[in-house]
Amino acid sequence: FWLESAGMYRDNQTTTLCPQDANSFAVLYNLTTST
């Protein structure tokens, strides 16, 4: 899901839409790999 060009996670593997929910959860739940 990581979309380097956007610096965010995309909704699925067939889109460039980067949703508010998944990206908020990724940071909050420590799915990110670095500060």
PDB file of all heavy atoms in Angstrom:
ATOM      1  N   PHE A   1       0.785  -1.236   0.000  1.00  0.00           N
ATOM      2  CA  PHE A   1       0.000   0.000   0.000  1.00  0.00           C
ATOM      3  C   PHE A   1       0.818   1.288   0.000  1.00  0.00           C
ATOM      4  O   PHE A   1       0.259   2.353  -0.297  1.00  0.00           O
ATOM      5  CB  PHE A   1      -0.956   0.017   1.203  1.00  0.00           C
ATOM      6  CG  PHE A   1      -1.920  -1.131   1.234  1.00  0.00           C
ATOM      7  CD1 PHE A   1      -1.970  -1.995   2.312  1.00  0.00           C
ATOM      8  CD2 PHE A   1      -2.784  -1.361   0.168  1.00  0.00           C
ATOM      9  CE1 PHE A   1      -2.853  -3.057   2.338  1.00  0.00           C
ATOM     10  CE2 PHE A   1      -3.675  -2.425   0.180  1.00  0.00           C
ATOM     11  CZ  PHE A   1      -3.714  -3.275   1.270  1.00  0.00           C
ATOM     12  N   TRP A   2       2.095   1.238   0.333  1.00  0.00           N
ATOM     13  CA  TRP A   2       2.850   2.484   0.391  1.00  0.00           C
ATOM     14  C   TRP A   2       3.025   3.064  -1.009  1.00  0.00           C
ATOM     15  O   TRP A   2       3.469   2.379  -1.940  1.00  0.00           O
ATOM     16  CB  TRP A   2       4.214   2.280   1.042  1.00  0.00           C
ATOM     17  CG  TRP A   2       5.009   3.564   1.126  1.00  0.00           C
ATOM     18  CD1 TRP A   2       6.116   3.890   0.419  1.00  0.00           C
ATOM     19  CD2 TRP A   2       4.719   4.693   1.966  1.00  0.00           C
ATOM     20  NE1 TRP A   2       6.549   5.162   0.749  1.00  0.00           N
ATOM     21  CE2 TRP A   2       5.711   5.671   1.705  1.00  0.00           C
ATOM     22  CE3 TRP A   2       3.728   4.965   2.905  1.00  0.00           C
ATOM     23  CZ2 TRP A   2       5.728   6.895   2.354  1.00  0.00           C
ATOM     24  CZ3 TRP A   2       3.751   6.193   3.551  1.00  0.00           C
ATOM     25  CH2 TRP A   2       4.738   7.141   3.282  1.00  0.00           C
ATOM     26  N   LEU A   3       2.655   4.335  -1.148  1.00  0.00           N
ATOM     27  CA  LEU A   3       2.759   5.037  -2.423  1.00  0.00           C
ATOM     28  C   LEU A   3       3.806   6.128  -2.246  1.00  0.00           C
ATOM     29  O   LEU A   3       3.528   7.212  -1.724  1.00  0.00           O
ATOM     30  CB  LEU A   3       1.395   5.626  -2.807  1.00  0.00           C
ATOM     31  CG  LEU A   3       1.238   6.173  -4.223  1.00  0.00           C
ATOM     32  CD1 LEU A   3       1.455   5.084  -5.269  1.00  0.00           C
ATOM     33  CD2 LEU A   3      -0.146   6.798  -4.393  1.00  0.00           C
ATOM     34  N   GLU A   4       4.997   5.847  -2.686  1.00  0.00           N
ATOM     35  CA  GLU A   4       6.130   6.736  -2.431  1.00  0.00           C
ATOM     36  C   GLU A   4       5.904   8.121  -3.019  1.00  0.00           C
ATOM     37  O   GLU A   4       6.255   9.140  -2.403  1.00  0.00           O
ATOM     38  CB  GLU A   4       7.405   6.119  -3.019  1.00  0.00           C
ATOM     39  CG  GLU A   4       8.654   6.980  -2.882  1.00  0.00           C
ATOM     40  CD  GLU A   4       9.054   7.241  -1.430  1.00  0.00           C
ATOM     41  OE1 GLU A   4       8.722   6.414  -0.555  1.00  0.00           O
ATOM     42  OE2 GLU A   4       9.707   8.281  -1.171  1.00  0.00           O
ATOM     43  N   SER A   5       5.285   8.192  -4.181  1.00  0.00           N
ATOM     44  CA  SER A   5       5.089   9.497  -4.824  1.00  0.00           C
ATOM     45  C   SER A   5       4.176  10.411  -4.011  1.00  0.00           C
ATOM     46  O   SER A   5       4.286  11.630  -4.081  1.00  0.00           O
ATOM     47  CB  SER A   5       4.501   9.310  -6.221  1.00  0.00           C
ATOM     48  OG  SER A   5       3.241   8.637  -6.154  1.00  0.00           O
ATOM     49  N   ALA A   6       3.277   9.823  -3.227  1.00  0.00           N
ATOM     50  CA  ALA A   6       2.357  10.608  -2.404  1.00  0.00           C
ATOM     51  C   ALA A   6       2.826  10.731  -0.966  1.00  0.00           C
ATOM     52  O   ALA A   6       2.354  11.599  -0.224  1.00  0.00           O
ATOM     53  CB  ALA A   6       0.962   9.980  -2.433  1.00  0.00           C
ATOM     54  N   GLY A   7       3.744   9.859  -0.550  1.00  0.00           N
ATOM     55  CA  GLY A   7       4.158   9.837   0.848  1.00  0.00           C
ATOM     56  C   GLY A   7       3.039   9.384   1.759  1.00  0.00           C
ATOM     57  O   GLY A   7       2.970   9.778   2.925  1.00  0.00           O
ATOM     58  N   MET A   8       2.145   8.522   1.244  1.00  0.00           N
ATOM     59  CA  MET A   8       0.991   8.035   1.997  1.00  0.00           C
ATOM     60  C   MET A   8       0.671   6.605   1.556  1.00  0.00           C
ATOM     61  O   MET A   8       1.270   6.082   0.603  1.00  0.00           O
ATOM     62  CB  MET A   8      -0.237   8.926   1.764  1.00  0.00           C
ATOM     63  CG  MET A   8      -0.062  10.381   2.189  1.00  0.00           C
ATOM     64  SD  MET A   8      -1.585  11.334   1.925  1.00  0.00           S
ATOM     65  CE  MET A   8      -2.555  10.779   3.330  1.00  0.00           C
ATOM     66  N   TYR A   9      -0.276   6.004   2.252  1.00  0.00           N
ATOM     67  CA  TYR A   9      -0.761   4.679   1.884  1.00  0.00           C
ATOM     68  C   TYR A   9      -1.986   4.812   0.985  1.00  0.00           C
ATOM     69  O   TYR A   9      -2.883   5.611   1.250  1.00  0.00           O
ATOM     70  CB  TYR A   9      -1.118   3.875   3.134  1.00  0.00           C
ATOM     71  CG  TYR A   9       0.076   3.552   3.998  1.00  0.00           C
ATOM     72  CD1 TYR A   9       0.404   4.365   5.086  1.00  0.00           C
ATOM     73  CD2 TYR A   9       0.880   2.452   3.722  1.00  0.00           C
ATOM     74  CE1 TYR A   9       1.500   4.080   5.890  1.00  0.00           C
ATOM     75  CE2 TYR A   9       1.983   2.154   4.518  1.00  0.00           C
ATOM     76  CZ  TYR A   9       2.283   2.974   5.599  1.00  0.00           C
ATOM     77  OH  TYR A   9       3.376   2.685   6.387  1.00  0.00           O
ATOM     78  N   ARG A  10      -2.038   4.010  -0.058  1.00  0.00           N
ATOM     79  CA  ARG A  10      -3.180   4.037  -0.965  1.00  0.00           C
ATOM     80  C   ARG A  10      -4.258   3.075  -0.480  1.00  0.00           C
ATOM     81  O   ARG A  10      -4.002   2.163   0.311  1.00  0.00           O
ATOM     82  CB  ARG A  10      -2.737   3.682  -2.382  1.00  0.00           C
ATOM     83  CG  ARG A  10      -2.013   2.345  -2.501  1.00  0.00           C
ATOM     84  CD  ARG A  10      -1.537   2.130  -3.918  1.00  0.00           C
ATOM     85  NE  ARG A  10      -0.738   0.905  -4.038  1.00  0.00           N
ATOM     86  CZ  ARG A  10      -0.341   0.391  -5.191  1.00  0.00           C
ATOM     87  NH1 ARG A  10      -0.663   0.998  -6.327  1.00  0.00           N
ATOM     88  NH2 ARG A  10       0.383  -0.705  -5.225  1.00  0.00           N
ATOM     89  N   ASP A  11      -5.452   3.267  -0.993  1.00  0.00           N
ATOM     90  CA  ASP A  11      -6.613   2.508  -0.527  1.00  0.00           C
ATOM     91  C   ASP A  11      -6.518   1.034  -0.910  1.00  0.00           C
ATOM     92  O   ASP A  11      -6.905   0.154  -0.141  1.00  0.00           O
ATOM     93  CB  ASP A  11      -7.888   3.112  -1.103  1.00  0.00           C
ATOM     94  CG  ASP A  11      -9.123   2.724  -0.312  1.00  0.00           C
ATOM     95  OD1 ASP A  11      -9.039   2.655   0.922  1.00  0.00           O
ATOM     96  OD2 ASP A  11     -10.176   2.483  -0.932  1.00  0.00           O
ATOM     97  N   ASN A  12      -6.032   0.769  -2.094  1.00  0.00           N
ATOM     98  CA  ASN A  12      -5.814  -0.609  -2.557  1.00  0.00           C
ATOM     99  C   ASN A  12      -4.757  -0.571  -3.645  1.00  0.00           C
ATOM    100  O   ASN A  12      -4.248   0.504  -3.988  1.00  0.00           O
ATOM    101  CB  ASN A  12      -7.126  -1.245  -3.046  1.00  0.00           C
ATOM    102  CG  ASN A  12      -7.774  -0.448  -4.159  1.00  0.00           C
ATOM    103  OD1 ASN A  12      -7.221  -0.316  -5.247  1.00  0.00           O
ATOM    104  ND2 ASN A  12      -8.960   0.109  -3.894  1.00  0.00           N
ATOM    105  N   GLN A  13      -4.451  -1.705  -4.218  1.00  0.00           N
ATOM    106  CA  GLN A  13      -3.332  -1.783  -5.162  1.00  0.00           C
ATOM    107  C   GLN A  13      -3.696  -1.362  -6.581  1.00  0.00           C
ATOM    108  O   GLN A  13      -2.845  -1.418  -7.472  1.00  0.00           O
ATOM    109  CB  GLN A  13      -2.776  -3.212  -5.158  1.00  0.00           C
ATOM    110  CG  GLN A  13      -2.113  -3.567  -3.836  1.00  0.00           C
ATOM    111  CD  GLN A  13      -1.792  -5.043  -3.726  1.00  0.00           C
ATOM    112  OE1 GLN A  13      -2.673  -5.869  -3.564  1.00  0.00           O
ATOM    113  NE2 GLN A  13      -0.514  -5.372  -3.821  1.00  0.00           N
ATOM    114  N   THR A  14      -4.923  -0.906  -6.777  1.00  0.00           N
ATOM    115  CA  THR A  14      -5.334  -0.479  -8.112  1.00  0.00           C
ATOM    116  C   THR A  14      -5.734   0.989  -8.152  1.00  0.00           C
ATOM    117  O   THR A  14      -6.376   1.427  -9.105  1.00  0.00           O
ATOM    118  CB  THR A  14      -6.521  -1.328  -8.612  1.00  0.00           C
ATOM    119  OG1 THR A  14      -7.651  -1.121  -7.757  1.00  0.00           O
ATOM    120  CG2 THR A  14      -6.157  -2.810  -8.634  1.00  0.00           C
ATOM    121  N   THR A  15      -5.358   1.761  -7.128  1.00  0.00           N
ATOM    122  CA  THR A  15      -5.767   3.163  -7.058  1.00  0.00           C
ATOM    123  C   THR A  15      -4.632   4.015  -6.520  1.00  0.00           C
ATOM    124  O   THR A  15      -3.686   3.502  -5.904  1.00  0.00           O
ATOM    125  CB  THR A  15      -7.000   3.320  -6.146  1.00  0.00           C
ATOM    126  OG1 THR A  15      -7.463   4.674  -6.195  1.00  0.00           O
ATOM    127  CG2 THR A  15      -6.662   2.988  -4.704  1.00  0.00           C
ATOM    128  N   THR A  16      -4.738   5.309  -6.768  1.00  0.00           N
ATOM    129  CA  THR A  16      -3.823   6.268  -6.129  1.00  0.00           C
ATOM    130  C   THR A  16      -4.541   7.065  -5.047  1.00  0.00           C
ATOM    131  O   THR A  16      -3.951   7.981  -4.471  1.00  0.00           O
ATOM    132  CB  THR A  16      -3.237   7.228  -7.177  1.00  0.00           C
ATOM    133  OG1 THR A  16      -4.301   7.904  -7.852  1.00  0.00           O
ATOM    134  CG2 THR A  16      -2.378   6.486  -8.185  1.00  0.00           C
ATOM    135  N   LEU A  17      -5.818   6.746  -4.774  1.00  0.00           N
ATOM    136  CA  LEU A  17      -6.546   7.419  -3.705  1.00  0.00           C
ATOM    137  C   LEU A  17      -5.944   7.029  -2.363  1.00  0.00           C
ATOM    138  O   LEU A  17      -5.790   5.847  -2.050  1.00  0.00           O
ATOM    139  CB  LEU A  17      -8.028   7.048  -3.748  1.00  0.00           C
ATOM    140  CG  LEU A  17      -8.954   7.763  -2.759  1.00  0.00           C
ATOM    141  CD1 LEU A  17     -10.328   7.988  -3.379  1.00  0.00           C
ATOM    142  CD2 LEU A  17      -9.098   6.979  -1.452  1.00  0.00           C
ATOM    143  N   CYS A  18      -5.614   8.038  -1.556  1.00  0.00           N
ATOM    144  CA  CYS A  18      -4.995   7.815  -0.249  1.00  0.00           C
ATOM    145  C   CYS A  18      -5.987   8.212   0.833  1.00  0.00           C
ATOM    146  O   CYS A  18      -6.184   9.399   1.103  1.00  0.00           O
ATOM    147  CB  CYS A  18      -3.705   8.625  -0.125  1.00  0.00           C
ATOM    148  SG  CYS A  18      -2.445   8.137  -1.333  1.00  0.00           S
ATOM    149  N   PRO A  19      -6.648   7.245   1.470  1.00  0.00           N
ATOM    150  CA  PRO A  19      -7.767   7.550   2.357  1.00  0.00           C
ATOM    151  C   PRO A  19      -7.331   8.108   3.703  1.00  0.00           C
ATOM    152  O   PRO A  19      -6.224   7.850   4.186  1.00  0.00           O
ATOM    153  CB  PRO A  19      -8.447   6.193   2.532  1.00  0.00           C
ATOM    154  CG  PRO A  19      -7.333   5.210   2.389  1.00  0.00           C
ATOM    155  CD  PRO A  19      -6.415   5.798   1.348  1.00  0.00           C
ATOM    156  N   GLN A  20      -8.234   8.860   4.301  1.00  0.00           N
ATOM    157  CA  GLN A  20      -7.981   9.408   5.635  1.00  0.00           C
ATOM    158  C   GLN A  20      -7.914   8.299   6.671  1.00  0.00           C
ATOM    159  O   GLN A  20      -7.042   8.308   7.541  1.00  0.00           O
ATOM    160  CB  GLN A  20      -9.084  10.401   6.008  1.00  0.00           C
ATOM    161  CG  GLN A  20      -8.903  11.050   7.377  1.00  0.00           C
ATOM    162  CD  GLN A  20     -10.109  11.870   7.806  1.00  0.00           C
ATOM    163  OE1 GLN A  20     -11.182  11.760   7.216  1.00  0.00           O
ATOM    164  NE2 GLN A  20      -9.959  12.681   8.840  1.00  0.00           N
ATOM    165  N   ASP A  21      -8.816   7.313   6.588  1.00  0.00           N
ATOM    166  CA  ASP A  21      -8.880   6.312   7.652  1.00  0.00           C
ATOM    167  C   ASP A  21      -7.637   5.435   7.695  1.00  0.00           C
ATOM    168  O   ASP A  21      -6.973   5.319   8.733  1.00  0.00           O
ATOM    169  CB  ASP A  21     -10.169   5.480   7.558  1.00  0.00           C
ATOM    170  CG  ASP A  21     -10.448   4.850   6.211  1.00  0.00           C
ATOM    171  OD1 ASP A  21      -9.560   4.809   5.348  1.00  0.00           O
ATOM    172  OD2 ASP A  21     -11.597   4.386   6.009  1.00  0.00           O
ATOM    173  N   ALA A  22      -7.255   4.817   6.581  1.00  0.00           N
ATOM    174  CA  ALA A  22      -6.116   3.904   6.589  1.00  0.00           C
ATOM    175  C   ALA A  22      -4.821   4.615   6.958  1.00  0.00           C
ATOM    176  O   ALA A  22      -3.970   4.050   7.662  1.00  0.00           O
ATOM    177  CB  ALA A  22      -5.973   3.231   5.225  1.00  0.00           C
ATOM    178  N   ASN A  23      -4.634   5.846   6.492  1.00  0.00           N
ATOM    179  CA  ASN A  23      -3.408   6.568   6.805  1.00  0.00           C
ATOM    180  C   ASN A  23      -3.354   6.984   8.273  1.00  0.00           C
ATOM    181  O   ASN A  23      -2.298   6.936   8.900  1.00  0.00           O
ATOM    182  CB  ASN A  23      -3.260   7.769   5.874  1.00  0.00           C
ATOM    183  CG  ASN A  23      -2.736   7.362   4.517  1.00  0.00           C
ATOM    184  OD1 ASN A  23      -1.535   7.187   4.329  1.00  0.00           O
ATOM    185  ND2 ASN A  23      -3.638   7.177   3.561  1.00  0.00           N
ATOM    186  N   SER A  24      -4.495   7.371   8.831  1.00  0.00           N
ATOM    187  CA  SER A  24      -4.526   7.690  10.260  1.00  0.00           C
ATOM    188  C   SER A  24      -4.220   6.444  11.089  1.00  0.00           C
ATOM    189  O   SER A  24      -3.431   6.489  12.045  1.00  0.00           O
ATOM    190  CB  SER A  24      -5.899   8.253  10.637  1.00  0.00           C
ATOM    191  OG  SER A  24      -6.161   9.451   9.942  1.00  0.00           O
ATOM    192  N   PHE A  25      -4.835   5.309  10.724  1.00  0.00           N
ATOM    193  CA  PHE A  25      -4.596   4.075  11.456  1.00  0.00           C
ATOM    194  C   PHE A  25      -3.142   3.627  11.335  1.00  0.00           C
ATOM    195  O   PHE A  25      -2.556   3.108  12.292  1.00  0.00           O
ATOM    196  CB  PHE A  25      -5.509   2.957  10.933  1.00  0.00           C
ATOM    197  CG  PHE A  25      -6.973   3.197  11.134  1.00  0.00           C
ATOM    198  CD1 PHE A  25      -7.909   2.664  10.246  1.00  0.00           C
ATOM    199  CD2 PHE A  25      -7.445   3.949  12.196  1.00  0.00           C
ATOM    200  CE1 PHE A  25      -9.264   2.879  10.417  1.00  0.00           C
ATOM    201  CE2 PHE A  25      -8.806   4.175  12.382  1.00  0.00           C
ATOM    202  CZ  PHE A  25      -9.711   3.635  11.487  1.00  0.00           C
ATOM    203  N   ALA A  26      -2.555   3.813  10.145  1.00  0.00           N
ATOM    204  CA  ALA A  26      -1.182   3.354   9.926  1.00  0.00           C
ATOM    205  C   ALA A  26      -0.210   4.030  10.884  1.00  0.00           C
ATOM    206  O   ALA A  26       0.684   3.394  11.447  1.00  0.00           O
ATOM    207  CB  ALA A  26      -0.770   3.603   8.479  1.00  0.00           C
ATOM    208  N   VAL A  27      -0.381   5.333  11.094  1.00  0.00           N
ATOM    209  CA  VAL A  27       0.488   6.049  12.031  1.00  0.00           C
ATOM    210  C   VAL A  27       0.135   5.688  13.468  1.00  0.00           C
ATOM    211  O   VAL A  27       1.011   5.376  14.281  1.00  0.00           O
ATOM    212  CB  VAL A  27       0.386   7.571  11.815  1.00  0.00           C
ATOM    213  CG1 VAL A  27       1.221   8.321  12.857  1.00  0.00           C
ATOM    214  CG2 VAL A  27       0.836   7.945  10.407  1.00  0.00           C
ATOM    215  N   LEU A  28      -1.144   5.698  13.784  1.00  0.00           N
ATOM    216  CA  LEU A  28      -1.584   5.464  15.151  1.00  0.00           C
ATOM    217  C   LEU A  28      -1.220   4.063  15.640  1.00  0.00           C
ATOM    218  O   LEU A  28      -0.827   3.884  16.793  1.00  0.00           O
ATOM    219  CB  LEU A  28      -3.097   5.676  15.243  1.00  0.00           C
ATOM    220  CG  LEU A  28      -3.756   5.468  16.601  1.00  0.00           C
ATOM    221  CD1 LEU A  28      -3.148   6.384  17.660  1.00  0.00           C
ATOM    222  CD2 LEU A  28      -5.262   5.696  16.496  1.00  0.00           C
ATOM    223  N   TYR A  29      -1.327   3.066  14.766  1.00  0.00           N
ATOM    224  CA  TYR A  29      -1.076   1.680  15.167  1.00  0.00           C
ATOM    225  C   TYR A  29       0.346   1.225  14.887  1.00  0.00           C
ATOM    226  O   TYR A  29       0.672   0.048  15.019  1.00  0.00           O
ATOM    227  CB  TYR A  29      -2.071   0.752  14.465  1.00  0.00           C
ATOM    228  CG  TYR A  29      -3.513   1.053  14.780  1.00  0.00           C
ATOM    229  CD1 TYR A  29      -4.521   0.775  13.855  1.00  0.00           C
ATOM    230  CD2 TYR A  29      -3.892   1.637  15.994  1.00  0.00           C
ATOM    231  CE1 TYR A  29      -5.857   1.056  14.138  1.00  0.00           C
ATOM    232  CE2 TYR A  29      -5.220   1.932  16.275  1.00  0.00           C
ATOM    233  CZ  TYR A  29      -6.192   1.639  15.343  1.00  0.00           C
ATOM    234  OH  TYR A  29      -7.513   1.931  15.626  1.00  0.00           O
ATOM    235  N   ASN A  30       1.199   2.175  14.470  1.00  0.00           N
ATOM    236  CA  ASN A  30       2.616   1.898  14.244  1.00  0.00           C
ATOM    237  C   ASN A  30       2.847   0.930  13.089  1.00  0.00           C
ATOM    238  O   ASN A  30       3.751   0.086  13.121  1.00  0.00           O
ATOM    239  CB  ASN A  30       3.285   1.370  15.518  1.00  0.00           C
ATOM    240  CG  ASN A  30       4.806   1.407  15.440  1.00  0.00           C
ATOM    241  OD1 ASN A  30       5.386   2.279  14.778  1.00  0.00           O
ATOM    242  ND2 ASN A  30       5.458   0.458  16.088  1.00  0.00           N
ATOM    243  N   LEU A  31       2.056   1.073  12.047  1.00  0.00           N
ATOM    244  CA  LEU A  31       2.333   0.339  10.815  1.00  0.00           C
ATOM    245  C   LEU A  31       3.418   1.027   9.995  1.00  0.00           C
ATOM    246  O   LEU A  31       4.004   0.408   9.106  1.00  0.00           O
ATOM    247  CB  LEU A  31       1.055   0.215   9.983  1.00  0.00           C
ATOM    248  CG  LEU A  31       0.138  -0.953  10.359  1.00  0.00           C
ATOM    249  CD1 LEU A  31      -1.280  -0.702   9.878  1.00  0.00           C
ATOM    250  CD2 LEU A  31       0.662  -2.262   9.785  1.00  0.00           C
ATOM    251  N   THR A  32       3.666   2.292  10.263  1.00  0.00           N
ATOM    252  CA  THR A  32       4.778   2.970   9.610  1.00  0.00           C
ATOM    253  C   THR A  32       6.094   2.378  10.110  1.00  0.00           C
ATOM    254  O   THR A  32       6.177   1.838  11.217  1.00  0.00           O
ATOM    255  CB  THR A  32       4.740   4.478   9.882  1.00  0.00           C
ATOM    256  OG1 THR A  32       4.597   4.691  11.290  1.00  0.00           O
ATOM    257  CG2 THR A  32       3.572   5.130   9.165  1.00  0.00           C
ATOM    258  N   THR A  33       7.126   2.489   9.294  1.00  0.00           N
ATOM    259  CA  THR A  33       8.395   1.826   9.610  1.00  0.00           C
ATOM    260  C   THR A  33       9.461   2.782  10.123  1.00  0.00           C
ATOM    261  O   THR A  33      10.547   2.341  10.492  1.00  0.00           O
ATOM    262  CB  THR A  33       8.928   1.101   8.356  1.00  0.00           C
ATOM    263  OG1 THR A  33       9.106   2.054   7.297  1.00  0.00           O
ATOM    264  CG2 THR A  33       7.945   0.027   7.909  1.00  0.00           C
ATOM    265  N   SER A  34       9.160   4.079  10.151  1.00  0.00           N
ATOM    266  CA  SER A  34      10.135   5.050  10.637  1.00  0.00           C
ATOM    267  C   SER A  34       9.420   6.322  11.043  1.00  0.00           C
ATOM    268  O   SER A  34       8.278   6.577  10.627  1.00  0.00           O
ATOM    269  CB  SER A  34      11.170   5.373   9.551  1.00  0.00           C
ATOM    270  OG  SER A  34      10.550   6.033   8.448  1.00  0.00           O
ATOM    271  N   THR A  35      10.116   7.128  11.827  1.00  0.00           N
ATOM    272  CA  THR A  35       9.566   8.420  12.227  1.00  0.00           C
ATOM    273  C   THR A  35       9.343   9.318  11.020  1.00  0.00           C
ATOM    274  O   THR A  35       8.326  10.012  10.919  1.00  0.00           O
ATOM    275  CB  THR A  35      10.503   9.103  13.223  1.00  0.00           C
ATOM    276  OG1 THR A  35      10.651   8.273  14.375  1.00  0.00           O
ATOM    277  CG2 THR A  35       9.965  10.452  13.654  1.00  0.00           C
TER     278      THR A  35
END
